[in-house]
Protein backbone atom coordinates (compact mmCIF):
# COMPACT_ATOMS: atom_id res chain seq x y z
CA MET A 1 16.54 1.67 -22.18
CA SER A 2 16.40 -1.92 -21.01
CA ILE A 3 13.62 -4.51 -20.90
CA SER A 4 13.02 -6.91 -18.01
CA ASP A 5 10.39 -9.35 -16.73
CA LEU A 6 9.34 -10.34 -20.26
CA GLN A 7 6.38 -12.74 -20.47
CA THR A 8 4.69 -13.82 -23.71
CA TRP A 9 1.57 -15.78 -24.61
CA GLN A 10 0.49 -16.91 -28.06
CA SER A 11 -2.77 -18.42 -29.25
CA GLY A 12 -2.82 -18.96 -33.01
CA PRO A 13 -2.57 -15.63 -34.84
CA THR A 14 -2.76 -13.51 -31.66
CA ALA A 15 -0.29 -12.93 -28.84
CA GLN A 16 0.29 -10.85 -25.74
CA ALA A 17 3.52 -9.58 -24.23
CA ARG A 18 4.05 -8.13 -20.77
CA PHE A 19 7.32 -6.46 -19.78
CA VAL A 20 8.94 -3.70 -17.77
CA ALA A 21 10.82 -0.95 -19.62
CA ASN A 22 13.54 0.89 -17.71
CA PHE A 23 14.30 4.26 -19.28
CA ASN A 24 17.70 5.78 -18.42
CA GLY A 25 19.42 8.89 -19.71
CA THR A 26 18.06 11.95 -21.44
CA ALA A 27 15.35 11.91 -24.10
CA ARG A 28 16.24 13.29 -27.51
CA GLU A 29 15.54 16.96 -28.07
CA ILE A 30 12.88 16.28 -30.70
CA GLY A 31 9.79 18.45 -30.44
CA GLY A 32 10.38 19.14 -26.76
CA LEU A 33 10.39 15.44 -25.86
CA ASP A 34 13.30 16.02 -23.48
CA GLN A 35 11.06 18.37 -21.45
CA LEU A 36 8.17 15.88 -21.20
CA LEU A 37 10.01 12.72 -20.17
CA PRO A 38 11.96 12.19 -16.95
CA SER A 39 15.65 11.25 -17.22
CA SER A 40 14.83 7.85 -15.74
CA ALA A 41 11.61 5.96 -15.15
CA LYS A 42 10.20 2.44 -15.07
CA TYR A 43 6.98 1.48 -16.89
CA LYS A 44 5.02 -1.79 -17.04
CA PHE A 45 3.64 -2.55 -20.53
CA ASP A 46 0.94 -4.94 -21.75
CA VAL A 47 0.95 -5.29 -25.54
CA TRP A 48 -1.50 -7.26 -27.72
CA LEU A 49 -0.45 -8.40 -31.18
CA ALA A 50 -1.97 -10.03 -34.25
CA LYS A 51 -0.20 -11.73 -37.13
CA GLU A 52 -0.93 -9.98 -40.43
CA GLY A 53 0.74 -10.95 -43.68
CA GLY A 54 3.40 -12.97 -41.86
CA GLU A 55 4.36 -10.10 -39.52
CA TRP A 56 3.33 -9.30 -35.95
CA LYS A 57 1.48 -6.00 -35.56
CA ILE A 58 0.55 -4.27 -32.30
CA THR A 59 -3.24 -4.03 -32.02
CA ASN A 60 -3.51 -2.60 -28.51
CA ALA A 61 -1.27 -1.53 -25.66
CA LYS A 62 -1.49 -0.15 -22.16
CA TRP A 63 1.17 0.98 -19.74
CA GLU A 64 1.58 2.36 -16.28
CA GLN A 65 4.45 4.07 -14.54
CA VAL A 66 6.00 1.89 -11.84
CA SER A 67 8.60 4.37 -10.59
CA ARG A 68 10.17 7.67 -11.54
CA GLY A 69 13.81 8.69 -11.47
């Protein structure tokens, strides 16, 4: 997996990240995961975060498939 097109925004204790994840190879054979996921695909992610106790935690996320294998 590789990450590209990373953009981040922060406003006080909240932040947002937008990036593209490129999945390559075969998924692990855990619980049939290898049957559900394609061997390669590209997804665009939007992730919202909040700082809690000095650490960033994901509060919301959405994604969409950009291309498949």
